[in-house]
Every structure is written in structure tokens, then in C-alpha cells.
Amino acid sequence: MTPLDDLFSTDESRAEAQLEKVVTLNPADISDFPNHPFKVKQDEAMAEMVDSVKQYGVLVPALVRPKADGGYEMVAGHRRKCAATLAGITEMPCIVRNLTDDEATIIMVDSNLQRETILPSEKAFAYKMKLEAMKRQGQRSDLTSTPLVSKSRSNEELGQKNGDSREQVRRFIRLTELIPSVLDMVDSGKIAFRPAVELSYLSKEQQQSLYDTMECEDCTPSLAQAIKMKEFSRDGKLTEEVILSIMQEEKPNQREQFKMPKERISKYFAPGTPAQKIEDTIIKALELYRRRERQRDMER
């Protein structure tokens, strides 16, 4: 049967009821998005936001969705909610929108990827969540059961929207396979992105052994070392001893370099003399000088 409210309402009033409106909610009544991949830090930027909220309130409405068991779930606006809570504000403007899990995930990721600074781990888990949502949407079909979006197209579409290639999206998602301690080193810049991707193919136990070795030896792997460990792992030969042996290898950028201004030696060589020849000549001259010094010491 038709509800009584519908019997006595006009088309205009029913259409108006469907429109999204900005409502005022208590931040305490809004739960965080499940497995939210973006960190809400209480840093200097947050302190500035808190001061602004105290003075002007929350100016830009957050986006929430109603929960089946009551209350609301944050979709976009976690930092605003945090600032309002820290500022002691009990009201903030919100847009309430009915969204499926996949729709909410895509909006949540897209809204946060606009941040100026994003950690590799944040981008990795955000890409993974959005790609899984896009794939689930692609698995849904119309009446003819024709797939809507393939996995490769999802990767490519996701990358295009965020300035990354399909391969780069795949690499970011690989980072989600790293153990937290190693992933933290990626976020802090101690391990470069490409070596980190190769290390993601190591088992959790091998990654832990690598982390312990890095802590003990105070070093991190180069891309070549990471690839070597990946190959040993693939062949089932990556033991703690092998990890230590690889990490103790001298990397080119760790070799001590001695530099001399070219102006100081250019007068001793013809213009255009190759750098290798200059180096060889200097070494020969030093060897000759050392022999003469030894001879002088013997004659004294």
C-alpha cells in the first residue's frame, strides 16, 4: 500500500525530499571509515586547522553516509572531524548521502588523493581499496551479463585519474605486502620506492630477517641488492646468512670518493684528455713519488 505521507504530498515536495541537504551533526556521532588508509596527524597543519575551527567553525561540509544500525560514517572529512573534536566543537556541517560500500570507498580515496603530501603507504592502500571496489563494480553486469570493466582497464583508469601509469599503480599496491616495520622505512625515505617494490616479494619471515639485519648493520638495500634477494627468495635460498652477505656488499654510492678541482690539474694535461687517462697518469705519478720517498728514507 502507498504510505499516507505519499498520498498527501506533492511531486515537488517528494522531489525536494530526495535532494541532498547540509545538516548539522555532532562529530562524536560520526564513526571513521573502516580501514581508512590515510593518516590523520596532529601536526602543525592540524594545529592551524584547529585554530581556524575555533574561530570560524567548520566551513566546508563533510560527506557522511547513514549506518544501518544508526549514526553516521565519515566518507570525506576525517581531518575536519579531528579538528572539530580537538577544538571542542560539538556541531559540524555534513552532507548526508546514501552510498554503497564501493561508492563510498571510491569517493573516500579520490577526496584524499588530492592532498599535497601523501605517504607511499597511504597511496598504496588507497589504490588497493579503490581498485578492489572498481573491480567489484566491474563484476556486476547488466541484463545480458556482459562484464563492464576488466582488471587491466581498472588499473589503467585508476592510474590516469591520479597521474600514474598502470604499472606504477601495480607497484604501489605491491607495497601493501610489506611488513609494517619495513613499510615505515619506506614512508620515512630510508628505503627507496623501487627497492621496496622488489622487497615486497619476500615472505613475511624473510622481511623480518632483513629488517633485523638493516637495524644491526645500519644500512638499507639498493635496487640491485633488493632484486638479488628477490631472486634468492624465489629459488628458496634466501636465508638469514644470505641476507647478511648481500647487505654487507659494498654499494657504489657507499665507496669513499676523493674529488679535486679540475683547474688544479688541467695544466698538466692536453685539452680533451680522457678522464680515465688522467686518473691513470696521476696514479703512476703517485707510485713513482712513493718509490722515491722510500729510497730517500733508506739513504738517510
Protein backbone atom coordinates (compact mmCIF):
# COMPACT_ATOMS: atom_id res chain seq x y z
CA MET A 1 0.00 0.00 0.00
CA THR A 2 1.06 3.57 -0.65
CA PRO A 3 2.27 5.32 2.53
CA LEU A 4 -0.08 8.03 3.85
CA ASP A 5 2.65 10.66 3.57
CA ASP A 6 2.93 9.97 -0.16
CA LEU A 7 -0.85 10.23 -0.62
CA PHE A 8 -0.91 13.75 0.78
CA SER A 9 2.39 15.05 -0.65
CA THR A 10 3.02 16.78 -3.97
CA ASP A 11 5.54 15.87 -6.65
CA GLU A 12 7.53 18.96 -5.69
CA SER A 13 7.73 18.01 -2.01
CA ARG A 14 8.75 14.44 -2.82
CA ALA A 15 11.46 15.70 -5.19
CA GLU A 16 12.70 18.13 -2.56
CA ALA A 17 12.93 15.32 -0.02
CA GLN A 18 15.30 13.47 -2.32
CA LEU A 19 17.69 16.43 -2.60
CA GLU A 20 20.87 16.36 -0.55
CA LYS A 21 20.93 18.86 2.28
CA VAL A 22 23.57 20.13 4.63
CA VAL A 23 22.75 19.06 8.17
CA THR A 24 24.50 19.71 11.45
CA LEU A 25 25.94 16.67 13.25
CA ASN A 26 27.98 16.05 16.37
CA PRO A 27 31.44 14.74 15.41
CA ALA A 28 31.04 12.17 18.17
CA ASP A 29 28.14 10.62 16.23
CA ILE A 30 30.30 10.06 13.13
CA SER A 31 32.44 6.92 13.02
CA ASP A 32 35.59 6.71 10.92
CA PHE A 33 35.64 4.94 7.57
CA PRO A 34 36.66 1.27 8.06
CA ASN A 35 40.38 0.67 7.33
CA HIS A 36 40.87 4.31 6.40
CA PRO A 37 44.30 4.32 4.69
CA PHE A 38 45.11 8.00 5.21
CA LYS A 39 46.70 9.05 8.48
CA VAL A 40 45.21 11.96 10.41
CA LYS A 41 48.24 13.52 12.09
CA GLN A 42 48.19 16.00 14.92
CA ASP A 43 50.96 18.08 13.37
CA GLU A 44 51.48 21.77 12.72
CA ALA A 45 48.94 21.78 9.89
CA MET A 46 46.34 20.21 12.17
CA ALA A 47 47.10 22.78 14.88
CA GLU A 48 46.43 25.54 12.34
CA MET A 49 43.17 23.88 11.33
CA VAL A 50 42.09 23.61 14.97
CA ASP A 51 42.73 27.33 15.47
CA SER A 52 40.67 28.11 12.37
CA VAL A 53 37.81 25.87 13.52
CA LYS A 54 37.81 27.53 16.94
CA GLN A 55 37.49 30.93 15.28
CA TYR A 56 35.24 30.25 12.31
CA GLY A 57 33.86 26.74 12.76
CA VAL A 58 33.99 24.03 10.08
CA LEU A 59 33.42 25.94 6.83
CA VAL A 60 33.37 23.08 4.30
CA PRO A 61 30.76 20.36 4.94
CA ALA A 62 31.99 16.80 5.36
CA LEU A 63 30.41 13.92 3.46
CA VAL A 64 28.85 11.14 5.55
CA ARG A 65 26.57 8.20 4.93
CA PRO A 66 23.93 6.77 7.29
CA LYS A 67 24.74 3.50 9.02
CA ALA A 68 22.25 0.66 9.13
CA ASP A 69 22.45 0.46 12.92
CA GLY A 70 22.12 4.21 13.41
CA GLY A 71 24.57 7.07 13.39
CA TYR A 72 26.79 8.08 10.50
CA GLU A 73 30.04 7.01 8.86
CA MET A 74 32.59 9.53 7.59
CA VAL A 75 33.36 9.34 3.89
CA ALA A 76 35.25 12.60 3.28
CA GLY A 77 36.25 14.93 6.09
CA HIS A 78 38.28 12.96 8.64
CA ARG A 79 40.73 15.84 9.25
CA ARG A 80 37.84 18.28 9.69
CA LYS A 81 36.22 15.93 12.18
CA CYS A 82 39.51 15.62 14.10
CA ALA A 83 39.97 19.40 14.13
CA ALA A 84 36.40 19.92 15.37
CA THR A 85 36.91 17.35 18.13
CA LEU A 86 40.20 18.92 19.25
CA ALA A 87 38.60 22.36 19.13
CA GLY A 88 35.75 21.18 21.37
CA ILE A 89 33.15 21.87 18.66
CA THR A 90 30.02 19.73 19.03
CA GLU A 91 28.48 20.66 15.69
CA MET A 92 29.82 20.43 12.15
CA PRO A 93 28.09 20.72 8.77
CA CYS A 94 27.71 17.46 6.85
CA ILE A 95 26.18 16.27 3.62
CA VAL A 96 24.33 13.00 4.18
CA ARG A 97 24.37 10.73 1.16
CA ASN A 98 23.22 7.14 0.72
CA LEU A 99 26.19 5.26 -0.71
CA THR A 100 27.09 1.63 -1.24
CA ASP A 101 30.36 0.36 0.24
CA ASP A 102 32.09 0.55 -3.15
CA GLU A 103 30.77 4.03 -3.95
CA ALA A 104 31.86 5.28 -0.53
CA THR A 105 35.33 3.73 -0.94
CA ILE A 106 35.91 5.38 -4.31
CA ILE A 107 34.80 8.80 -3.07
CA MET A 108 36.89 8.45 0.10
CA VAL A 109 40.04 7.61 -1.87
CA ASP A 110 39.52 10.28 -4.53
CA SER A 111 38.92 13.03 -1.98
CA ASN A 112 42.09 12.18 -0.04
CA LEU A 113 44.36 11.71 -3.06
CA GLN A 114 44.04 15.46 -3.60
CA ARG A 115 46.24 16.12 -0.57
CA GLU A 116 49.55 17.87 -1.24
CA THR A 117 51.57 15.31 0.73
CA ILE A 118 50.75 11.60 0.61
CA LEU A 119 52.90 8.86 2.11
CA PRO A 120 53.74 5.84 -0.09
CA SER A 121 51.87 3.57 2.31
CA GLU A 122 48.76 5.78 2.17
CA LYS A 123 48.75 5.76 -1.62
CA ALA A 124 49.40 2.02 -1.69
CA PHE A 125 46.45 1.02 0.48
CA ALA A 126 44.22 3.69 -1.08
CA TYR A 127 44.95 2.37 -4.58
CA LYS A 128 44.30 -1.20 -3.41
CA MET A 129 40.97 -0.30 -1.80
CA LYS A 130 39.76 1.69 -4.79
CA LEU A 131 40.91 -0.91 -7.34
CA GLU A 132 39.08 -3.66 -5.46
CA ALA A 133 35.94 -1.50 -5.38
CA MET A 134 36.24 -0.77 -9.10
CA LYS A 135 36.72 -4.46 -9.86
CA ARG A 136 33.64 -5.38 -7.82
CA GLN A 137 31.65 -2.79 -9.74
CA GLY A 138 33.04 -4.23 -12.95
CA GLN A 139 31.96 -7.72 -11.97
CA ARG A 140 28.40 -6.50 -11.77
CA SER A 141 26.65 -6.96 -15.05
CA ASP A 142 23.60 -5.77 -16.89
CA LEU A 143 20.73 -7.98 -18.06
CA THR A 144 22.95 -9.55 -20.73
CA SER A 145 25.64 -10.48 -18.15
CA THR A 146 28.31 -8.55 -20.05
CA PRO A 147 31.29 -7.52 -17.86
CA LEU A 148 31.57 -3.75 -17.50
CA VAL A 149 35.22 -3.21 -16.53
CA SER A 150 38.20 -5.54 -16.84
CA LYS A 151 41.06 -5.68 -14.32
CA SER A 152 43.59 -4.13 -16.72
CA ARG A 153 41.20 -1.33 -17.62
CA SER A 154 40.57 -0.68 -13.94
CA ASN A 155 44.32 -0.35 -13.31
CA GLU A 156 44.71 1.99 -16.25
CA GLU A 157 41.70 4.12 -15.33
CA LEU A 158 42.85 4.37 -11.72
CA GLY A 159 46.32 5.47 -12.79
CA GLN A 160 45.12 8.02 -15.33
CA LYS A 161 42.97 9.80 -12.76
CA ASN A 162 45.93 10.20 -10.43
CA GLY A 163 48.84 10.79 -12.80
CA ASP A 164 50.32 7.28 -12.52
CA SER A 165 50.75 4.61 -15.17
CA ARG A 166 49.10 1.22 -14.86
CA GLU A 167 52.48 -0.28 -13.95
CA GLN A 168 53.04 2.37 -11.28
CA VAL A 169 49.65 1.57 -9.76
CA ARG A 170 50.68 -2.09 -9.62
CA ARG A 171 53.96 -1.15 -7.93
CA PHE A 172 52.22 0.95 -5.29
CA ILE A 173 49.81 -1.86 -4.50
CA ARG A 174 52.78 -4.23 -4.08
CA LEU A 175 53.88 -2.10 -1.09
CA THR A 176 50.86 -3.40 0.84
CA GLU A 177 52.69 -6.75 1.02
CA LEU A 178 55.48 -5.24 3.15
CA ILE A 179 55.52 -5.78 6.90
CA PRO A 180 54.76 -2.59 8.90
CA SER A 181 58.34 -2.04 10.10
CA VAL A 182 59.73 -2.13 6.55
CA LEU A 183 56.86 -0.05 5.19
CA ASP A 184 57.60 2.59 7.83
CA MET A 185 61.14 2.80 6.44
CA VAL A 186 59.67 3.46 3.00
CA ASP A 187 57.45 6.23 4.39
CA SER A 188 60.41 7.82 6.15
CA GLY A 189 62.53 7.72 2.99
CA LYS A 190 65.09 5.27 4.37
CA ILE A 191 64.21 2.72 1.66
CA ALA A 192 63.61 3.96 -1.88
CA PHE A 193 60.42 3.13 -3.73
CA ARG A 194 61.77 0.73 -6.37
CA PRO A 195 63.82 -1.43 -3.96
CA ALA A 196 60.77 -1.55 -1.68
CA VAL A 197 58.65 -2.96 -4.51
CA GLU A 198 61.17 -5.79 -5.05
CA LEU A 199 61.33 -6.50 -1.31
CA SER A 200 57.54 -6.95 -1.25
CA TYR A 201 58.05 -10.34 -2.95
CA LEU A 202 59.92 -11.65 0.10
CA SER A 203 57.97 -13.69 2.66
CA LYS A 204 57.00 -12.01 5.93
CA GLU A 205 59.65 -14.02 7.76
CA GLN A 206 62.33 -13.03 5.24
CA GLN A 207 61.28 -9.39 5.50
CA GLN A 208 61.62 -9.55 9.29
CA SER A 209 65.10 -11.06 8.94
CA LEU A 210 66.00 -8.29 6.51
CA TYR A 211 64.68 -5.64 8.90
CA ASP A 212 66.72 -7.07 11.77
CA THR A 213 69.81 -7.07 9.53
CA MET A 214 69.22 -3.47 8.45
CA GLU A 215 68.91 -2.42 12.09
CA CYS A 216 72.06 -4.30 13.07
CA GLU A 217 74.19 -3.23 10.10
CA ASP A 218 72.71 0.27 9.88
CA CYS A 219 72.17 0.02 6.12
CA THR A 220 69.41 -0.34 3.53
CA PRO A 221 69.37 -2.29 0.25
CA SER A 222 69.99 -0.81 -3.15
CA LEU A 223 67.79 -1.77 -6.09
CA ALA A 224 70.36 -4.33 -7.25
CA GLN A 225 70.53 -5.89 -3.77
CA ALA A 226 66.74 -5.98 -3.47
CA ILE A 227 66.46 -7.73 -6.84
CA LYS A 228 69.12 -10.23 -5.79
CA MET A 229 67.24 -11.05 -2.58
CA LYS A 230 64.01 -11.42 -4.56
CA GLU A 231 65.72 -13.93 -6.87
CA PHE A 232 67.16 -15.91 -3.95
CA SER A 233 63.72 -15.92 -2.31
CA ARG A 234 62.09 -17.15 -5.50
CA ASP A 235 64.58 -20.04 -5.63
CA GLY A 236 64.01 -20.86 -1.97
CA LYS A 237 67.57 -19.96 -0.99
CA LEU A 238 67.16 -16.68 0.91
CA THR A 239 68.39 -17.47 4.41
CA GLU A 240 69.45 -15.10 7.18
CA GLU A 241 73.07 -15.75 6.22
CA VAL A 242 72.42 -14.89 2.57
CA ILE A 243 70.60 -11.68 3.56
CA LEU A 244 73.55 -10.63 5.74
CA SER A 245 76.03 -11.45 2.98
CA ILE A 246 74.10 -9.38 0.42
CA MET A 247 73.64 -6.44 2.78
CA GLN A 248 77.36 -6.39 3.61
CA GLU A 249 78.26 -5.94 -0.05
CA GLU A 250 79.80 -2.57 -0.79
CA LYS A 251 77.49 -0.38 -2.84
CA PRO A 252 78.94 2.07 -5.38
CA ASN A 253 77.40 5.03 -3.59
CA GLN A 254 78.97 3.91 -0.31
CA ARG A 255 82.56 3.96 -1.63
CA GLU A 256 84.53 6.90 -0.35
CA GLN A 257 85.25 9.35 -3.15
CA PHE A 258 88.11 11.82 -3.48
CA LYS A 259 87.49 14.86 -5.64
CA MET A 260 89.91 17.51 -6.89
CA PRO A 261 89.10 20.72 -8.80
CA LYS A 262 89.90 20.20 -12.47
CA GLU A 263 91.58 23.61 -12.64
CA ARG A 264 94.38 22.38 -10.39
CA ILE A 265 95.49 19.61 -12.76
CA SER A 266 94.33 20.81 -16.20
CA LYS A 267 97.70 22.49 -16.94
CA TYR A 268 99.43 19.09 -16.75
CA PHE A 269 97.29 17.50 -19.48
CA ALA A 270 96.45 18.33 -23.09
CA PRO A 271 92.89 19.58 -23.73
CA GLY A 272 90.47 16.72 -24.32
CA THR A 273 92.48 14.11 -22.39
CA PRO A 274 90.04 11.37 -21.25
CA ALA A 275 89.27 11.29 -17.52
CA GLN A 276 90.43 7.67 -17.22
CA LYS A 277 93.84 8.55 -18.71
CA ILE A 278 94.17 11.48 -16.31
CA GLU A 279 93.39 9.17 -13.39
CA ASP A 280 95.87 6.52 -14.57
CA THR A 281 98.61 9.12 -15.02
CA ILE A 282 98.06 10.55 -11.53
CA ILE A 283 98.23 7.05 -10.01
CA LYS A 284 101.51 6.32 -11.83
CA ALA A 285 102.92 9.65 -10.68
CA LEU A 286 101.97 8.87 -7.07
CA GLU A 287 103.57 5.42 -7.28
CA LEU A 288 106.78 6.97 -8.63
CA TYR A 289 106.69 9.57 -5.87
CA ARG A 290 106.27 6.88 -3.20
CA ARG A 291 109.22 4.85 -4.54
CA ARG A 292 111.44 7.93 -4.48
CA GLU A 293 110.40 8.73 -0.92
CA ARG A 294 111.21 5.20 0.19
CA GLN A 295 114.60 5.39 -1.50
CA ARG A 296 115.36 8.67 0.28
CA ASP A 297 114.40 7.16 3.63
CA MET A 298 116.81 4.27 3.01
CA GLU A 299 119.67 6.62 2.15
CA ARG A 300 119.28 8.62 5.36
